[in-house]
């Protein structure tokens, strides 16, 4: 699939890439690149500052918005067509999100599976409304055919190889922290389909998703999650939590809903030597569950977490 990139955006992406080339950065030095001559972020809690020491891929690709929809009252979902065929990611990773004319770089977890990129050259993001300039742009100015640039980074991912030992997954999400975990869930489902259809590939264990939000309208990707649960009932299960529900819960959702926060007792039932834990949500939530798991003697190398502000 050919993607035509306007000259303006080619120049924008070229400026980012030229900075790295002119500095003759090694791959290890490149990950510290803040693109200060192209995009400068001044807030102390900005994405580039928080992730300055995190590994990034070298590829910076232009992309075009080819779909947009409201995922919830506060979250907009984007589908982007990626220009560079060398752009790739692992399930759970995020992108540096460069917007022409916006001086702050966004950082958004990918919620689609790597297979969607492989097959259609597309990725999906879901961005919560905030006053942060990249989020404001997505909610107020982004339109179909808007052009941006992206670069993949992050050390929070699930990328098993065919010969790796089978693992169970427990995914613990809070709010918009569902994004990277949905990518992992979708990737795990793709791996299971591949093994079922071809008789080879990685053998996934069971997958249990615990997902908490304020109310059912803010539980993102409900249909996508339940479709996977129904497609693979022997493999995938979910427990959806709401903490401030004020309206009646639909009959379709009710069997999966628990009112109240996710508890350490629920998670404890799923501790085993074969289980990996992935946690993404507000920092207090990720801190709490990672510490609880460690105190329950889960090896640190089986606990992965991403704090999303």
Protein backbone atom coordinates (compact mmCIF):
# COMPACT_ATOMS: atom_id res chain seq x y z
CA UNK A 1 0.00 0.00 0.00
CA UNK A 2 1.51 3.32 -1.07
CA UNK A 3 1.11 6.29 1.24
CA UNK A 4 1.60 9.73 -0.31
CA UNK A 5 3.08 12.21 2.16
CA UNK A 6 2.78 15.93 1.40
CA UNK A 7 6.00 17.89 1.02
CA UNK A 8 5.33 19.88 4.21
CA UNK A 9 5.23 16.75 6.35
CA UNK A 10 8.19 15.21 4.52
CA UNK A 11 10.17 18.27 5.55
CA UNK A 12 8.93 17.98 9.13
CA UNK A 13 9.94 14.31 9.41
CA UNK A 14 13.19 15.07 7.60
CA UNK A 15 14.06 17.73 10.15
CA UNK A 16 13.68 15.22 12.98
CA UNK A 17 15.79 12.61 11.21
CA UNK A 18 18.42 15.13 10.08
CA UNK A 19 19.07 16.18 13.65
CA UNK A 20 20.02 12.62 14.58
CA UNK A 21 22.15 12.18 11.47
CA UNK A 22 24.01 15.47 11.84
CA UNK A 23 24.85 14.61 15.43
CA UNK A 24 26.11 11.16 14.33
CA UNK A 25 24.27 9.60 17.21
CA UNK A 26 24.81 5.95 18.05
CA UNK A 27 21.70 3.85 18.73
CA UNK A 28 22.33 4.06 22.47
CA UNK A 29 22.67 7.83 22.32
CA UNK A 30 19.66 8.18 20.04
CA UNK A 31 17.30 6.99 22.76
CA UNK A 32 18.17 10.10 24.78
CA UNK A 33 17.33 12.41 21.89
CA UNK A 34 14.80 15.06 22.89
CA UNK A 35 14.50 16.65 19.45
CA UNK A 36 15.00 20.02 21.08
CA UNK A 37 15.69 21.86 17.85
CA UNK A 38 12.45 20.62 16.33
CA UNK A 39 10.10 20.12 19.25
CA UNK A 40 10.78 21.34 22.76
CA UNK A 41 8.75 20.35 25.78
CA UNK A 42 8.91 22.75 28.73
CA UNK A 43 6.72 21.06 31.31
CA UNK A 44 8.69 19.08 33.86
CA UNK A 45 6.23 16.22 33.65
CA UNK A 46 6.16 16.04 29.85
CA UNK A 47 6.44 12.74 28.04
CA UNK A 48 9.93 13.33 26.62
CA UNK A 49 11.36 14.23 30.02
CA UNK A 50 9.71 11.31 31.80
CA UNK A 51 10.94 8.84 29.19
CA UNK A 52 14.36 10.33 28.39
CA UNK A 53 16.16 7.13 29.42
CA UNK A 54 13.75 4.72 27.72
CA UNK A 55 14.82 2.82 24.60
CA UNK A 56 13.32 4.05 21.32
CA UNK A 57 13.42 2.77 17.77
CA UNK A 58 15.33 4.87 15.27
CA UNK A 59 12.53 5.00 12.69
CA UNK A 60 10.49 8.22 12.67
CA UNK A 61 7.55 7.75 10.32
CA UNK A 62 5.00 10.09 8.85
CA UNK A 63 1.40 9.01 9.36
CA UNK A 64 -2.03 10.16 8.25
CA UNK A 65 -5.23 10.09 10.30
CA UNK A 66 -7.68 7.84 8.46
CA UNK A 67 -10.27 7.32 11.18
CA UNK A 68 -11.50 9.07 14.33
CA UNK A 69 -14.34 8.30 16.75
CA UNK A 70 -15.39 8.96 20.34
CA UNK A 71 -14.52 5.89 22.40
CA UNK A 72 -16.08 7.46 25.51
CA UNK A 73 -17.24 10.94 26.59
CA UNK A 74 -13.60 11.81 27.37
CA UNK A 75 -11.55 9.60 25.02
CA UNK A 76 -11.08 9.88 21.26
CA UNK A 77 -9.87 6.93 19.22
CA UNK A 78 -7.62 7.49 16.19
CA UNK A 79 -6.62 5.17 13.37
CA UNK A 80 -3.44 6.17 11.57
CA UNK A 81 -1.98 4.98 8.28
CA UNK A 82 1.80 4.63 8.69
CA UNK A 83 4.06 5.60 5.79
CA UNK A 84 7.38 3.93 6.62
CA UNK A 85 7.44 0.17 6.01
CA UNK A 86 10.22 -0.16 8.61
CA UNK A 87 8.00 1.25 11.37
CA UNK A 88 7.10 -1.58 13.78
CA UNK A 89 6.23 -2.06 17.45
CA UNK A 90 5.75 -4.68 20.13
CA UNK A 91 2.39 -5.09 21.87
CA UNK A 92 2.35 -2.70 24.84
CA UNK A 93 4.68 -0.02 23.47
CA UNK A 94 3.91 3.69 22.94
CA UNK A 95 4.72 6.34 20.36
CA UNK A 96 6.31 9.75 20.52
CA UNK A 97 3.63 11.76 18.71
CA UNK A 98 4.91 14.77 16.74
CA UNK A 99 2.35 17.30 15.50
CA UNK A 100 3.37 20.02 13.00
CA UNK A 101 2.84 23.40 14.64
CA UNK A 102 2.52 22.01 18.18
CA UNK A 103 5.66 22.52 20.23
CA UNK A 104 5.00 19.72 22.75
CA UNK A 105 5.54 16.05 21.91
CA UNK A 106 2.76 13.65 22.89
CA UNK A 107 3.26 10.17 24.28
CA UNK A 108 0.43 7.71 23.61
CA UNK A 109 0.25 3.93 24.03
CA UNK A 110 -0.77 1.94 20.98
CA UNK A 111 -4.00 -0.01 21.55
CA UNK A 112 -4.03 -2.05 18.35
CA UNK A 113 -2.17 -5.30 17.72
CA UNK A 114 1.08 -5.57 15.76
CA UNK A 115 -0.81 -7.70 13.25
CA UNK A 116 -3.01 -4.77 12.19
CA UNK A 117 0.15 -2.86 11.29
CA UNK A 118 1.62 -5.86 9.46
CA UNK A 119 -1.54 -6.43 7.43
CA UNK A 120 -2.93 -2.92 6.87
CA UNK A 121 -0.07 -0.52 7.82
CA UNK A 122 -2.30 0.99 10.50
CA UNK A 123 -2.14 1.58 14.23
CA UNK A 124 -4.78 2.78 16.69
CA UNK A 125 -4.49 5.19 19.63
CA UNK A 126 -7.07 6.26 22.22
CA UNK A 127 -6.39 9.64 23.81
CA UNK A 128 -8.05 11.10 26.90
CA UNK A 129 -9.04 14.76 26.87
CA UNK A 130 -6.68 16.91 28.94
CA UNK A 131 -5.22 20.39 28.67
CA UNK A 132 -1.94 18.94 27.40
CA UNK A 133 -1.38 20.45 23.91
CA UNK A 134 -1.12 17.15 21.97
CA UNK A 135 -4.34 15.86 23.56
CA UNK A 136 -6.08 19.19 22.90
CA UNK A 137 -5.03 19.02 19.27
CA UNK A 138 -6.38 15.48 18.90
CA UNK A 139 -9.74 16.39 20.45
CA UNK A 140 -10.22 19.87 18.94
CA UNK A 141 -8.23 20.18 15.72
CA UNK A 142 -7.38 16.74 14.36
CA UNK A 143 -9.39 15.76 11.27
CA UNK A 144 -9.33 12.99 8.70
CA UNK A 145 -6.14 13.30 6.61
CA UNK A 146 -4.31 15.27 9.33
CA UNK A 147 -0.61 14.42 9.17
CA UNK A 148 1.73 13.68 12.07
CA UNK A 149 4.98 11.82 12.72
CA UNK A 150 5.59 8.99 15.17
CA UNK A 151 8.42 7.04 16.75
CA UNK A 152 8.05 3.86 18.84
CA UNK A 153 9.47 3.49 22.34
CA UNK A 154 8.92 1.71 25.61
CA UNK A 155 10.13 -1.26 27.61
CA UNK A 156 6.64 -2.46 28.60
CA UNK A 157 5.64 -5.13 26.08
CA UNK A 158 4.69 -8.75 25.46
CA UNK A 159 6.64 -10.27 22.59
CA UNK A 160 7.06 -14.03 23.06
CA UNK A 161 8.96 -16.10 20.53
CA UNK A 162 7.54 -19.40 19.17
CA UNK A 163 9.82 -21.61 21.29
CA UNK A 164 9.30 -19.69 24.56
CA UNK A 165 7.59 -21.39 27.49
CA UNK A 166 3.83 -20.97 27.63
CA UNK A 167 2.73 -18.27 30.09
CA UNK A 168 -0.55 -17.15 31.61
CA UNK A 169 -1.19 -13.42 31.57
CA UNK A 170 -2.90 -11.26 34.18
CA UNK A 171 -3.56 -7.74 32.85
CA UNK A 172 -4.47 -5.04 35.38
CA UNK A 173 -5.71 -1.74 33.92
CA UNK A 174 -6.94 1.53 35.36
CA UNK A 175 -8.70 4.11 33.18
CA UNK A 176 -6.90 4.93 29.94
CA UNK A 177 -4.17 2.50 31.08
CA UNK A 178 -6.20 -0.10 29.18
CA UNK A 179 -4.52 1.01 25.94
CA UNK A 180 -1.25 -1.00 26.06
CA UNK A 181 -3.01 -3.91 27.75
CA UNK A 182 -5.61 -4.07 24.98
CA UNK A 183 -2.71 -4.24 22.51
CA UNK A 184 -1.27 -7.15 24.51
CA UNK A 185 -4.69 -8.84 24.74
CA UNK A 186 -5.23 -8.50 20.99
CA UNK A 187 -1.72 -9.79 20.28
CA UNK A 188 -2.26 -12.80 22.55
CA UNK A 189 -5.50 -13.55 20.69
CA UNK A 190 -3.69 -13.29 17.35
CA UNK A 191 -1.02 -15.73 18.59
CA UNK A 192 -3.71 -18.17 19.72
CA UNK A 193 -5.50 -17.96 16.36
CA UNK A 194 -2.24 -18.57 14.53
CA UNK A 195 -1.45 -21.67 16.58
CA UNK A 196 -5.02 -22.97 16.21
CA UNK A 197 -5.00 -22.44 12.43
CA UNK A 198 -1.44 -23.49 11.58
CA UNK A 199 -0.55 -25.85 14.41
CA UNK A 200 2.62 -23.92 15.17
CA UNK A 201 3.76 -20.75 16.87
CA UNK A 202 3.71 -19.58 20.48
CA UNK A 203 1.32 -21.40 22.82
CA UNK A 204 -0.40 -18.81 25.01
CA UNK A 205 -1.80 -19.81 28.39
CA UNK A 206 -4.88 -18.24 29.93
CA UNK A 207 -5.43 -14.48 29.96
CA UNK A 208 -7.34 -12.65 32.68
CA UNK A 209 -8.09 -8.93 32.36
CA UNK A 210 -8.96 -6.81 35.40
CA UNK A 211 -10.06 -3.35 34.30
CA UNK A 212 -11.29 -0.48 36.46
CA UNK A 213 -12.87 2.85 35.48
CA UNK A 214 -15.15 5.44 37.05
CA UNK A 215 -18.28 4.13 35.33
CA UNK A 216 -19.35 1.94 32.42
CA UNK A 217 -19.29 4.84 29.96
CA UNK A 218 -15.58 5.26 30.73
CA UNK A 219 -14.80 1.55 30.34
CA UNK A 220 -13.07 1.73 26.97
CA UNK A 221 -13.26 -0.94 24.26
CA UNK A 222 -16.03 -2.87 26.01
CA UNK A 223 -17.25 -4.47 22.79
CA UNK A 224 -13.73 -5.39 21.64
CA UNK A 225 -12.94 -6.99 25.00
CA UNK A 226 -16.20 -8.95 25.25
CA UNK A 227 -15.88 -10.10 21.63
CA UNK A 228 -12.53 -11.68 22.51
CA UNK A 229 -13.94 -13.22 25.70
CA UNK A 230 -16.77 -14.76 23.68
CA UNK A 231 -14.47 -15.90 20.87
CA UNK A 232 -12.05 -17.64 23.25
CA UNK A 233 -13.97 -18.45 26.46
CA UNK A 234 -11.47 -21.17 27.34
CA UNK A 235 -8.56 -18.73 27.12
CA UNK A 236 -9.74 -15.19 27.91
CA UNK A 237 -11.78 -13.86 30.85
CA UNK A 238 -12.40 -10.36 32.12
CA UNK A 239 -13.50 -8.64 35.31
CA UNK A 240 -14.68 -5.06 34.76
CA UNK A 241 -14.81 -2.76 37.78
CA UNK A 242 -16.63 0.57 38.22
CA UNK A 243 -15.97 2.85 41.18
CA UNK A 244 -18.58 5.63 40.78
CA UNK A 245 -21.45 4.14 38.83
CA UNK A 246 -24.67 6.21 39.09
CA UNK A 247 -26.76 4.70 36.27
CA UNK A 248 -28.18 1.25 35.67
CA UNK A 249 -25.75 -1.27 34.20
CA UNK A 250 -26.86 -2.88 30.95
CA UNK A 251 -27.87 -6.53 30.91
CA UNK A 252 -25.08 -7.30 28.46
CA UNK A 253 -22.39 -5.89 30.76
CA UNK A 254 -23.80 -6.93 34.13
CA UNK A 255 -22.25 -10.44 34.24
CA UNK A 256 -18.78 -8.91 33.91
CA UNK A 257 -19.17 -5.90 36.23
CA UNK A 258 -18.06 -5.58 39.84
CA UNK A 259 -18.79 -2.35 41.70
CA UNK A 260 -15.70 -1.21 43.60
CA UNK A 261 -11.98 -1.23 43.01
CA UNK A 262 -9.85 -4.19 41.93
CA UNK A 263 -8.58 -5.90 45.07
CA UNK A 264 -5.34 -7.66 45.86
CA UNK A 265 -7.40 -10.72 46.90
CA UNK A 266 -8.81 -11.10 43.38
CA UNK A 267 -5.36 -10.85 41.85
CA UNK A 268 -3.92 -13.26 44.40
CA UNK A 269 -6.08 -16.10 43.11
CA UNK A 270 -4.12 -16.03 39.85
CA UNK A 271 -0.57 -16.12 41.19
CA UNK A 272 1.45 -19.04 39.84
CA UNK A 273 4.94 -19.75 38.56
CA UNK A 274 3.63 -19.67 34.98
CA UNK A 275 1.92 -16.26 35.22
CA UNK A 276 3.15 -12.87 34.05
CA UNK A 277 1.54 -9.69 35.41
CA UNK A 278 1.16 -6.52 33.35
CA UNK A 279 -0.11 -3.40 35.15
CA UNK A 280 -0.91 -0.01 33.63
CA UNK A 281 -2.79 2.86 35.23
CA UNK A 282 -2.29 5.85 37.52
CA UNK A 283 0.98 5.71 39.50
CA UNK A 284 -0.68 4.92 42.88
CA UNK A 285 -2.43 1.92 41.32
CA UNK A 286 0.66 0.54 39.60
CA UNK A 287 2.72 1.04 42.76
CA UNK A 288 0.13 -0.71 44.90
CA UNK A 289 -0.23 -3.83 42.77
CA UNK A 290 3.45 -4.21 41.93
CA UNK A 291 4.32 -4.05 45.65
CA UNK A 292 1.50 -6.44 46.57
CA UNK A 293 2.70 -8.96 44.01
CA UNK A 294 6.29 -8.70 45.22
CA UNK A 295 5.15 -9.23 48.81
CA UNK A 296 3.32 -12.35 47.58
CA UNK A 297 6.67 -13.67 46.31
CA UNK A 298 5.99 -13.14 42.62
CA UNK A 299 9.44 -12.80 40.98
CA UNK A 300 10.22 -9.24 39.90
CA UNK A 301 10.93 -10.46 36.38
CA UNK A 302 7.29 -11.62 36.17
CA UNK A 303 5.90 -8.15 37.03
CA UNK A 304 5.74 -5.47 34.35
CA UNK A 305 4.22 -2.06 34.91
CA UNK A 306 3.74 1.23 33.12
CA UNK A 307 2.78 4.42 34.93
CA UNK A 308 0.69 6.68 32.77
CA UNK A 309 0.03 10.27 33.76
